[in-house]
Amino acid sequence: MSASPSSSAQAAREALAVRLQHLRKDAGLTGKELSARCGWHPAKTTRIQKGAAPPSDADLRAWCAACGAGDQAEDLIAIARAVDSMYMEWRRLHRTGMRKTQQDLNTLHARTRLCRVYVSNVPPGFLQTPAFATALMEKITAFQGTPDDVSEAVAARIARSRFLYEGHHRYLVLLEESVLRYRTATPDAMRGQLRHLLDVMPLPSVSLGIIPFTAPRTVWPLEAFYLHDDDLAVVETLTAEIKVTQPRELADYAKAFGHLADMAVYGDAARSLIQAALDTLG
């Protein structure tokens, strides 16, 4: 796994490494002695202890056995898997197609009460129409070279829209005006997508703001991010999904969202921007 650009993932990886160091020291072992017991080169122990190499399940079991702490192995494996999930390359997430990732997101949204969303590229999945989602996912699949299960993935993504109508979910959504203008799909699909945004605006579960091109910027355009309640931010980059859980970073995303929300327009002003984008499509 490549190093994460998120300090949350790196901090968690380093915390696991420190715990492994403590296990070794509590057992009274040097790095070389532990390596000999595990049957690997001392350089591997050094990399694991520095957080530079993610240990496998087998590595953790061997480490714990060498330290006489076999009862801690499963706990450490669970921690390592959680760390691993903080930074996931899209190609890895989509290695069997996109459907499973969409279903996992549905599970996350099901337990989220307040979702604050900022996008600068495309509308969030739960506001996409089937035609727009199909066009977008076809492009993503072709770019990533991953298995094509677009029809199943679209169905799973569109199913997420049910949270707009059921339960006690609340969505605060901020779109850059560019999202309305990018020709991500055919003109017909774009028209349908923009009209859908107008249709969902009156929903009590949705607050939709548009950040105009002309808005004075206090925060520059950012990568798309989703704040789930107050304990998780999911950030989408070109190559990976990053899950942020570190309180300091979560506070930064919440602060950025607040500034972006202040730059946005709502209600009739937002509808006018959507309608203007619609008019350009003829």
C-alpha atoms as a PDB file:
ATOM      1  CA  MET A   1       0.000   0.000   0.000  1.00  0.00           C
ATOM      2  CA  SER A   2       1.395   3.393  -0.890  1.00  0.00           C
ATOM      3  CA  ALA A   3       1.942   5.995   1.805  1.00  0.00           C
ATOM      4  CA  SER A   4      -1.157   7.974   2.613  1.00  0.00           C
ATOM      5  CA  PRO A   5      -1.379  11.714   2.048  1.00  0.00           C
ATOM      6  CA  SER A   6      -3.676  11.793   5.062  1.00  0.00           C
ATOM      7  CA  SER A   7      -2.012  12.277   8.429  1.00  0.00           C
ATOM      8  CA  SER A   8      -4.908  10.366  10.028  1.00  0.00           C
ATOM      9  CA  ALA A   9      -3.845   7.170   8.278  1.00  0.00           C
ATOM     10  CA  GLN A  10      -0.163   7.767   8.955  1.00  0.00           C
ATOM     11  CA  ALA A  11      -0.796   8.549  12.634  1.00  0.00           C
ATOM     12  CA  ALA A  12      -2.794   5.327  13.024  1.00  0.00           C
ATOM     13  CA  ARG A  13      -0.065   3.342  11.268  1.00  0.00           C
ATOM     14  CA  GLU A  14       2.573   4.820  13.571  1.00  0.00           C
ATOM     15  CA  ALA A  15       0.456   4.088  16.649  1.00  0.00           C
ATOM     16  CA  LEU A  16       0.274   0.418  15.627  1.00  0.00           C
ATOM     17  CA  ALA A  17       4.042   0.392  15.119  1.00  0.00           C
ATOM     18  CA  VAL A  18       4.614   1.829  18.607  1.00  0.00           C
ATOM     19  CA  ARG A  19       2.384  -0.846  20.122  1.00  0.00           C
ATOM     20  CA  LEU A  20       4.437  -3.539  18.393  1.00  0.00           C
ATOM     21  CA  GLN A  21       7.640  -1.963  19.698  1.00  0.00           C
ATOM     22  CA  HIS A  22       6.233  -2.063  23.232  1.00  0.00           C
ATOM     23  CA  LEU A  23       5.348  -5.735  22.844  1.00  0.00           C
ATOM     24  CA  ARG A  24       8.927  -6.500  21.792  1.00  0.00           C
ATOM     25  CA  LYS A  25      10.460  -4.481  24.627  1.00  0.00           C
ATOM     26  CA  ASP A  26       8.095  -5.953  27.230  1.00  0.00           C
ATOM     27  CA  ALA A  27       9.260  -9.386  26.074  1.00  0.00           C
ATOM     28  CA  GLY A  28      12.879  -8.304  26.586  1.00  0.00           C
ATOM     29  CA  LEU A  29      13.781  -8.890  22.943  1.00  0.00           C
ATOM     30  CA  THR A  30      16.061  -6.933  20.661  1.00  0.00           C
ATOM     31  CA  GLY A  31      15.032  -6.348  17.080  1.00  0.00           C
ATOM     32  CA  LYS A  32      17.465  -8.996  15.899  1.00  0.00           C
ATOM     33  CA  GLU A  33      16.195 -11.539  18.416  1.00  0.00           C
ATOM     34  CA  LEU A  34      12.594 -10.966  17.418  1.00  0.00           C
ATOM     35  CA  SER A  35      13.548 -11.247  13.731  1.00  0.00           C
ATOM     36  CA  ALA A  36      15.274 -14.563  14.365  1.00  0.00           C
ATOM     37  CA  ARG A  37      12.223 -15.939  16.177  1.00  0.00           C
ATOM     38  CA  CYS A  38       9.956 -14.792  13.334  1.00  0.00           C
ATOM     39  CA  GLY A  39      12.277 -16.159  10.664  1.00  0.00           C
ATOM     40  CA  TRP A  40      12.745 -12.958   8.683  1.00  0.00           C
ATOM     41  CA  HIS A  41      15.461 -10.369   8.040  1.00  0.00           C
ATOM     42  CA  PRO A  42      16.006  -7.703  10.733  1.00  0.00           C
ATOM     43  CA  ALA A  43      15.337  -5.013   8.115  1.00  0.00           C
ATOM     44  CA  LYS A  44      11.717  -6.153   8.006  1.00  0.00           C
ATOM     45  CA  THR A  45      11.378  -5.654  11.757  1.00  0.00           C
ATOM     46  CA  THR A  46      12.837  -2.165  11.406  1.00  0.00           C
ATOM     47  CA  ARG A  47      10.383  -1.240   8.639  1.00  0.00           C
ATOM     48  CA  ILE A  48       7.406  -2.503  10.647  1.00  0.00           C
ATOM     49  CA  GLN A  49       8.529  -0.667  13.786  1.00  0.00           C
ATOM     50  CA  LYS A  50       8.892   2.590  11.849  1.00  0.00           C
ATOM     51  CA  GLY A  51       5.442   2.251  10.325  1.00  0.00           C
ATOM     52  CA  ALA A  52       7.070   2.128   6.889  1.00  0.00           C
ATOM     53  CA  ALA A  53       5.739  -1.332   5.990  1.00  0.00           C
ATOM     54  CA  PRO A  54       2.202  -2.529   6.835  1.00  0.00           C
ATOM     55  CA  PRO A  55       2.388  -5.911   8.596  1.00  0.00           C
ATOM     56  CA  SER A  56       0.299  -8.758   7.232  1.00  0.00           C
ATOM     57  CA  ASP A  57      -1.972 -10.886   9.404  1.00  0.00           C
ATOM     58  CA  ALA A  58       0.721 -13.593   9.417  1.00  0.00           C
ATOM     59  CA  ASP A  59       3.374 -11.038  10.408  1.00  0.00           C
ATOM     60  CA  LEU A  60       1.323  -9.912  13.395  1.00  0.00           C
ATOM     61  CA  ARG A  61       0.656 -13.462  14.539  1.00  0.00           C
ATOM     62  CA  ALA A  62       4.374 -14.279  14.292  1.00  0.00           C
ATOM     63  CA  TRP A  63       5.315 -11.093  16.153  1.00  0.00           C
ATOM     64  CA  CYS A  64       2.887 -11.793  18.982  1.00  0.00           C
ATOM     65  CA  ALA A  65       3.966 -15.430  19.237  1.00  0.00           C
ATOM     66  CA  ALA A  66       7.629 -14.373  19.390  1.00  0.00           C
ATOM     67  CA  CYS A  67       6.771 -12.011  22.256  1.00  0.00           C
ATOM     68  CA  GLY A  68       4.675 -14.550  24.139  1.00  0.00           C
ATOM     69  CA  ALA A  69       1.584 -12.428  23.521  1.00  0.00           C
ATOM     70  CA  GLY A  70      -0.421 -14.648  21.206  1.00  0.00           C
ATOM     71  CA  ASP A  71      -3.627 -13.525  22.915  1.00  0.00           C
ATOM     72  CA  GLN A  72      -3.144 -10.025  21.444  1.00  0.00           C
ATOM     73  CA  ALA A  73      -2.790 -11.109  17.824  1.00  0.00           C
ATOM     74  CA  GLU A  74      -6.436 -10.867  16.767  1.00  0.00           C
ATOM     75  CA  ASP A  75      -6.819  -7.434  18.339  1.00  0.00           C
ATOM     76  CA  LEU A  76      -3.757  -6.161  16.486  1.00  0.00           C
ATOM     77  CA  ILE A  77      -4.979  -7.686  13.223  1.00  0.00           C
ATOM     78  CA  ALA A  78      -8.275  -5.834  13.606  1.00  0.00           C
ATOM     79  CA  ILE A  79      -6.398  -2.569  14.226  1.00  0.00           C
ATOM     80  CA  ALA A  80      -4.152  -3.125  11.208  1.00  0.00           C
ATOM     81  CA  ARG A  81      -7.123  -3.769   8.949  1.00  0.00           C
ATOM     82  CA  ALA A  82      -8.777  -0.571  10.176  1.00  0.00           C
ATOM     83  CA  VAL A  83      -5.596   1.370   9.399  1.00  0.00           C
ATOM     84  CA  ASP A  84      -5.435  -0.236   5.975  1.00  0.00           C
ATOM     85  CA  SER A  85      -8.973   0.885   5.175  1.00  0.00           C
ATOM     86  CA  MET A  86      -8.170   4.556   5.862  1.00  0.00           C
ATOM     87  CA  TYR A  87      -6.404   4.900   2.505  1.00  0.00           C
ATOM     88  CA  MET A  88      -7.784   2.749  -0.265  1.00  0.00           C
ATOM     89  CA  GLU A  89      -6.856   3.080  -3.913  1.00  0.00           C
ATOM     90  CA  TRP A  90      -9.885   3.086  -6.198  1.00  0.00           C
ATOM     91  CA  ARG A  91      -8.396   0.296  -8.311  1.00  0.00           C
ATOM     92  CA  ARG A  92      -8.187  -1.830  -5.195  1.00  0.00           C
ATOM     93  CA  LEU A  93     -11.709  -0.908  -4.085  1.00  0.00           C
ATOM     94  CA  HIS A  94     -13.033  -1.569  -7.593  1.00  0.00           C
ATOM     95  CA  ARG A  95     -10.993  -4.701  -8.301  1.00  0.00           C
ATOM     96  CA  THR A  96     -14.210  -6.729  -8.713  1.00  0.00           C
ATOM     97  CA  GLY A  97     -16.262  -3.815 -10.029  1.00  0.00           C
ATOM     98  CA  MET A  98     -17.976  -0.805  -8.462  1.00  0.00           C
ATOM     99  CA  ARG A  99     -21.140  -2.416  -7.057  1.00  0.00           C
ATOM    100  CA  LYS A 100     -19.689  -3.483  -3.691  1.00  0.00           C
ATOM    101  CA  THR A 101     -18.207  -0.044  -3.013  1.00  0.00           C
ATOM    102  CA  GLN A 102     -21.609   1.534  -3.674  1.00  0.00           C
ATOM    103  CA  GLN A 103     -23.296  -0.935  -1.330  1.00  0.00           C
ATOM    104  CA  ASP A 104     -20.729  -0.203   1.389  1.00  0.00           C
ATOM    105  CA  LEU A 105     -21.427   3.518   0.990  1.00  0.00           C
ATOM    106  CA  ASN A 106     -25.143   2.825   1.371  1.00  0.00           C
ATOM    107  CA  THR A 107     -24.400   1.148   4.705  1.00  0.00           C
ATOM    108  CA  LEU A 108     -22.398   4.180   5.819  1.00  0.00           C
ATOM    109  CA  HIS A 109     -25.164   6.598   4.807  1.00  0.00           C
ATOM    110  CA  ALA A 110     -27.762   4.471   6.566  1.00  0.00           C
ATOM    111  CA  ARG A 111     -26.129   5.156   9.931  1.00  0.00           C
ATOM    112  CA  THR A 112     -25.295   8.809   9.216  1.00  0.00           C
ATOM    113  CA  ARG A 113     -27.706  11.379  10.595  1.00  0.00           C
ATOM    114  CA  LEU A 114     -26.032  14.548   9.294  1.00  0.00           C
ATOM    115  CA  CYS A 115     -24.010  14.410   6.089  1.00  0.00           C
ATOM    116  CA  ARG A 116     -22.227  17.582   4.989  1.00  0.00           C
ATOM    117  CA  VAL A 117     -21.085  17.318   1.386  1.00  0.00           C
ATOM    118  CA  TYR A 118     -18.863  19.528  -0.758  1.00  0.00           C
ATOM    119  CA  VAL A 119     -18.214  18.724  -4.418  1.00  0.00           C
ATOM    120  CA  SER A 120     -16.319  20.568  -7.114  1.00  0.00           C
ATOM    121  CA  ASN A 121     -16.595  18.009  -9.920  1.00  0.00           C
ATOM    122  CA  VAL A 122     -19.891  16.061 -10.094  1.00  0.00           C
ATOM    123  CA  PRO A 123     -23.120  15.941  -8.050  1.00  0.00           C
ATOM    124  CA  PRO A 124     -22.953  13.566  -5.070  1.00  0.00           C
ATOM    125  CA  GLY A 125     -24.091  10.028  -5.792  1.00  0.00           C
ATOM    126  CA  PHE A 126     -27.307  10.244  -3.778  1.00  0.00           C
ATOM    127  CA  LEU A 127     -28.436  13.167  -5.999  1.00  0.00           C
ATOM    128  CA  GLN A 128     -27.512  11.576  -9.327  1.00  0.00           C
ATOM    129  CA  THR A 129     -30.002  10.363 -11.913  1.00  0.00           C
ATOM    130  CA  PRO A 130     -29.573   6.880 -13.431  1.00  0.00           C
ATOM    131  CA  ALA A 131     -28.557   8.349 -16.816  1.00  0.00           C
ATOM    132  CA  PHE A 132     -25.944  10.648 -15.306  1.00  0.00           C
ATOM    133  CA  ALA A 133     -24.595   7.958 -12.948  1.00  0.00           C
ATOM    134  CA  THR A 134     -24.296   5.527 -15.864  1.00  0.00           C
ATOM    135  CA  ALA A 135     -22.332   8.013 -17.985  1.00  0.00           C
ATOM    136  CA  LEU A 136     -20.022   8.852 -15.085  1.00  0.00           C
ATOM    137  CA  MET A 137     -19.405   5.275 -13.979  1.00  0.00           C
ATOM    138  CA  GLU A 138     -18.688   4.164 -17.523  1.00  0.00           C
ATOM    139  CA  LYS A 139     -15.956   6.797 -17.719  1.00  0.00           C
ATOM    140  CA  ILE A 140     -14.519   5.821 -14.337  1.00  0.00           C
ATOM    141  CA  THR A 141     -14.482   2.123 -15.234  1.00  0.00           C
ATOM    142  CA  ALA A 142     -12.747   2.815 -18.538  1.00  0.00           C
ATOM    143  CA  PHE A 143     -10.163   5.082 -16.881  1.00  0.00           C
ATOM    144  CA  GLN A 144      -9.367   2.649 -14.067  1.00  0.00           C
ATOM    145  CA  GLY A 145      -9.483  -0.459 -16.247  1.00  0.00           C
ATOM    146  CA  THR A 146     -11.551  -2.294 -13.638  1.00  0.00           C
ATOM    147  CA  PRO A 147     -14.331  -4.871 -14.233  1.00  0.00           C
ATOM    148  CA  ASP A 148     -17.478  -3.458 -15.822  1.00  0.00           C
ATOM    149  CA  ASP A 149     -20.494  -3.917 -13.576  1.00  0.00           C
ATOM    150  CA  VAL A 150     -21.839  -0.443 -14.239  1.00  0.00           C
ATOM    151  CA  SER A 151     -25.517  -1.382 -14.382  1.00  0.00           C
ATOM    152  CA  GLU A 152     -25.363  -3.092 -10.962  1.00  0.00           C
ATOM    153  CA  ALA A 153     -23.266  -0.269  -9.497  1.00  0.00           C
ATOM    154  CA  VAL A 154     -25.704   2.362 -10.778  1.00  0.00           C
ATOM    155  CA  ALA A 155     -28.614   0.514  -9.196  1.00  0.00           C
ATOM    156  CA  ALA A 156     -26.777   0.440  -5.859  1.00  0.00           C
ATOM    157  CA  ARG A 157     -25.872   4.132  -6.119  1.00  0.00           C
ATOM    158  CA  ILE A 158     -29.415   5.212  -6.989  1.00  0.00           C
ATOM    159  CA  ALA A 159     -30.739   3.163  -4.069  1.00  0.00           C
ATOM    160  CA  ARG A 160     -28.895   5.586  -1.779  1.00  0.00           C
ATOM    161  CA  SER A 161     -31.373   8.315  -2.689  1.00  0.00           C
ATOM    162  CA  ARG A 162     -33.958   6.623  -0.453  1.00  0.00           C
ATOM    163  CA  PHE A 163     -32.261   8.228   2.550  1.00  0.00           C
ATOM    164  CA  LEU A 164     -33.563  11.574   1.296  1.00  0.00           C
ATOM    165  CA  TYR A 165     -37.088  10.347   1.982  1.00  0.00           C
ATOM    166  CA  GLU A 166     -36.860   7.986   4.943  1.00  0.00           C
ATOM    167  CA  GLY A 167     -35.524   8.028   8.468  1.00  0.00           C
ATOM    168  CA  HIS A 168     -34.021  11.072  10.093  1.00  0.00           C
ATOM    169  CA  HIS A 169     -31.223  11.807   7.641  1.00  0.00           C
ATOM    170  CA  ARG A 170     -30.162  15.362   6.831  1.00  0.00           C
ATOM    171  CA  TYR A 171     -27.991  16.388   3.874  1.00  0.00           C
ATOM    172  CA  LEU A 172     -26.231  19.747   3.603  1.00  0.00           C
ATOM    173  CA  VAL A 173     -24.847  19.869   0.055  1.00  0.00           C
ATOM    174  CA  LEU A 174     -22.532  22.472  -1.476  1.00  0.00           C
ATOM    175  CA  LEU A 175     -21.800  22.437  -5.215  1.00  0.00           C
ATOM    176  CA  GLU A 176     -19.356  24.638  -7.061  1.00  0.00           C
ATOM    177  CA  GLU A 177     -21.145  26.290  -9.998  1.00  0.00           C
ATOM    178  CA  SER A 178     -18.739  24.420 -12.269  1.00  0.00           C
ATOM    179  CA  VAL A 179     -20.540  21.179 -11.312  1.00  0.00           C
ATOM    180  CA  LEU A 180     -23.593  22.515 -13.140  1.00  0.00           C
ATOM    181  CA  ARG A 181     -21.607  23.363 -16.248  1.00  0.00           C
ATOM    182  CA  TYR A 182     -19.260  20.433 -16.802  1.00  0.00           C
ATOM    183  CA  ARG A 183     -20.472  18.247 -19.699  1.00  0.00           C
ATOM    184  CA  THR A 184     -19.857  14.999 -17.853  1.00  0.00           C
ATOM    185  CA  ALA A 185     -22.719  13.288 -19.685  1.00  0.00           C
ATOM    186  CA  THR A 186     -24.734  13.807 -22.875  1.00  0.00           C
ATOM    187  CA  PRO A 187     -26.854  16.982 -23.125  1.00  0.00           C
ATOM    188  CA  ASP A 188     -30.015  14.946 -22.474  1.00  0.00           C
ATOM    189  CA  ALA A 189     -28.495  13.325 -19.387  1.00  0.00           C
ATOM    190  CA  MET A 190     -27.204  16.691 -18.171  1.00  0.00           C
ATOM    191  CA  ARG A 191     -30.643  18.241 -18.586  1.00  0.00           C
ATOM    192  CA  GLY A 192     -32.178  15.407 -16.590  1.00  0.00           C
ATOM    193  CA  GLN A 193     -29.546  15.774 -13.889  1.00  0.00           C
ATOM    194  CA  LEU A 194     -30.002  19.530 -13.514  1.00  0.00           C
ATOM    195  CA  ARG A 195     -33.800  19.197 -13.423  1.00  0.00           C
ATOM    196  CA  HIS A 196     -33.413  16.554 -10.730  1.00  0.00           C
ATOM    197  CA  LEU A 197     -31.436  19.004  -8.605  1.00  0.00           C
ATOM    198  CA  LEU A 198     -34.335  21.447  -8.898  1.00  0.00           C
ATOM    199  CA  ASP A 199     -36.764  18.667  -7.931  1.00  0.00           C
ATOM    200  CA  VAL A 200     -34.932  17.714  -4.708  1.00  0.00           C
ATOM    201  CA  MET A 201     -34.359  21.259  -3.470  1.00  0.00           C
ATOM    202  CA  PRO A 202     -37.764  21.497  -1.699  1.00  0.00           C
ATOM    203  CA  LEU A 203     -37.156  18.285   0.283  1.00  0.00           C
ATOM    204  CA  PRO A 204     -36.952  18.943   4.039  1.00  0.00           C
ATOM    205  CA  SER A 205     -33.976  16.591   4.288  1.00  0.00           C
ATOM    206  CA  VAL A 206     -31.887  18.584   1.795  1.00  0.00           C
ATOM    207  CA  SER A 207     -30.169  21.957   1.902  1.00  0.00           C
ATOM    208  CA  LEU A 208     -28.582  22.664  -1.478  1.00  0.00           C
ATOM    209  CA  GLY A 209     -26.180  25.556  -1.917  1.00  0.00           C
ATOM    210  CA  ILE A 210     -24.333  26.635  -5.042  1.00  0.00           C
ATOM    211  CA  ILE A 211     -21.017  28.499  -4.843  1.00  0.00           C
ATOM    212  CA  PRO A 212     -21.073  30.974  -7.764  1.00  0.00           C
ATOM    213  CA  PHE A 213     -18.078  31.539 -10.022  1.00  0.00           C
ATOM    214  CA  THR A 214     -18.165  35.159  -8.868  1.00  0.00           C
ATOM    215  CA  ALA A 215     -18.170  34.449  -5.107  1.00  0.00           C
ATOM    216  CA  PRO A 216     -15.228  36.053  -3.238  1.00  0.00           C
ATOM    217  CA  ARG A 217     -13.185  33.064  -2.065  1.00  0.00           C
ATOM    218  CA  THR A 218     -12.207  32.559   1.547  1.00  0.00           C
ATOM    219  CA  VAL A 219     -11.482  28.882   0.779  1.00  0.00           C
ATOM    220  CA  TRP A 220     -10.138  27.721  -2.566  1.00  0.00           C
ATOM    221  CA  PRO A 221     -11.859  24.921  -4.547  1.00  0.00           C
ATOM    222  CA  LEU A 222     -11.124  21.605  -2.861  1.00  0.00           C
ATOM    223  CA  GLU A 223     -11.372  17.901  -3.554  1.00  0.00           C
ATOM    224  CA  ALA A 224     -14.792  16.387  -2.882  1.00  0.00           C
ATOM    225  CA  PHE A 225     -15.415  15.470   0.749  1.00  0.00           C
ATOM    226  CA  TYR A 226     -18.253  14.012   2.806  1.00  0.00           C
ATOM    227  CA  LEU A 227     -18.515  14.705   6.551  1.00  0.00           C
ATOM    228  CA  HIS A 228     -20.497  11.936   8.223  1.00  0.00           C
ATOM    229  CA  ASP A 229     -21.813  13.296  11.520  1.00  0.00           C
ATOM    230  CA  ASP A 230     -18.805  14.498  13.523  1.00  0.00           C
ATOM    231  CA  ASP A 231     -16.574  11.438  13.435  1.00  0.00           C
ATOM    232  CA  LEU A 232     -15.652  10.656   9.819  1.00  0.00           C
ATOM    233  CA  ALA A 233     -14.679  12.532   6.678  1.00  0.00           C
ATOM    234  CA  VAL A 234     -14.446  10.666   3.383  1.00  0.00           C
ATOM    235  CA  VAL A 235     -12.228  12.488   0.889  1.00  0.00           C
ATOM    236  CA  GLU A 236     -12.171  11.536  -2.790  1.00  0.00           C
ATOM    237  CA  THR A 237      -9.003  12.040  -4.822  1.00  0.00           C
ATOM    238  CA  LEU A 238      -8.197  10.871  -8.339  1.00  0.00           C
ATOM    239  CA  THR A 239      -6.569   7.654  -7.145  1.00  0.00           C
ATOM    240  CA  ALA A 240      -7.957   6.921  -3.706  1.00  0.00           C
ATOM    241  CA  GLU A 241     -10.637   7.229  -1.055  1.00  0.00           C
ATOM    242  CA  ILE A 242      -9.261   8.611   2.204  1.00  0.00           C
ATOM    243  CA  LYS A 243     -11.068   8.183   5.507  1.00  0.00           C
ATOM    244  CA  VAL A 244     -10.183  10.882   8.024  1.00  0.00           C
ATOM    245  CA  THR A 245     -10.874  10.257  11.721  1.00  0.00           C
ATOM    246  CA  GLN A 246      -8.271  12.391  13.481  1.00  0.00           C
ATOM    247  CA  PRO A 247     -10.121  15.102  15.455  1.00  0.00           C
ATOM    248  CA  ARG A 248      -7.822  17.929  14.342  1.00  0.00           C
ATOM    249  CA  GLU A 249      -8.327  17.082  10.674  1.00  0.00           C
ATOM    250  CA  LEU A 250     -12.070  16.630  11.135  1.00  0.00           C
ATOM    251  CA  ALA A 251     -12.169  20.100  12.649  1.00  0.00           C
ATOM    252  CA  ASP A 252     -10.355  21.484   9.602  1.00  0.00           C
ATOM    253  CA  TYR A 253     -12.884  19.926   7.217  1.00  0.00           C
ATOM    254  CA  ALA A 254     -15.766  21.242   9.307  1.00  0.00           C
ATOM    255  CA  LYS A 255     -14.184  24.705   9.305  1.00  0.00           C
ATOM    256  CA  ALA A 256     -13.689  24.582   5.528  1.00  0.00           C
ATOM    257  CA  PHE A 257     -17.292  23.488   5.059  1.00  0.00           C
ATOM    258  CA  GLY A 258     -18.457  26.447   7.123  1.00  0.00           C
ATOM    259  CA  HIS A 259     -16.488  28.904   4.977  1.00  0.00           C
ATOM    260  CA  LEU A 260     -17.722  27.269   1.769  1.00  0.00           C
ATOM    261  CA  ALA A 261     -21.305  27.398   3.031  1.00  0.00           C
ATOM    262  CA  ASP A 262     -20.942  31.125   3.662  1.00  0.00           C
ATOM    263  CA  MET A 263     -19.885  31.619   0.021  1.00  0.00           C
ATOM    264  CA  ALA A 264     -22.864  29.681  -1.363  1.00  0.00           C
ATOM    265  CA  VAL A 265     -26.275  30.934  -2.457  1.00  0.00           C
ATOM    266  CA  TYR A 266     -29.513  29.131  -1.677  1.00  0.00           C
ATOM    267  CA  GLY A 267     -33.195  29.085  -2.594  1.00  0.00           C
ATOM    268  CA  ASP A 268     -34.172  31.206  -5.584  1.00  0.00           C
ATOM    269  CA  ALA A 269     -30.589  32.338  -6.198  1.00  0.00           C
ATOM    270  CA  ALA A 270     -29.414  28.721  -6.403  1.00  0.00           C
ATOM    271  CA  ARG A 271     -32.345  27.811  -8.668  1.00  0.00           C
ATOM    272  CA  SER A 272     -31.403  30.662 -10.993  1.00  0.00           C
ATOM    273  CA  LEU A 273     -27.869  29.278 -11.365  1.00  0.00           C
ATOM    274  CA  ILE A 274     -29.198  25.794 -12.113  1.00  0.00           C
ATOM    275  CA  GLN A 275     -31.705  27.198 -14.617  1.00  0.00           C
ATOM    276  CA  ALA A 276     -28.969  29.246 -16.296  1.00  0.00           C
ATOM    277  CA  ALA A 277     -26.920  26.055 -16.737  1.00  0.00           C
ATOM    278  CA  LEU A 278     -30.013  24.331 -18.125  1.00  0.00           C
ATOM    279  CA  ASP A 279     -30.550  27.149 -20.624  1.00  0.00           C
ATOM    280  CA  THR A 280     -27.070  26.630 -22.076  1.00  0.00           C
ATOM    281  CA  LEU A 281     -28.083  23.065 -22.975  1.00  0.00           C
ATOM    282  CA  GLY A 282     -30.955  24.248 -25.155  1.00  0.00           C
END
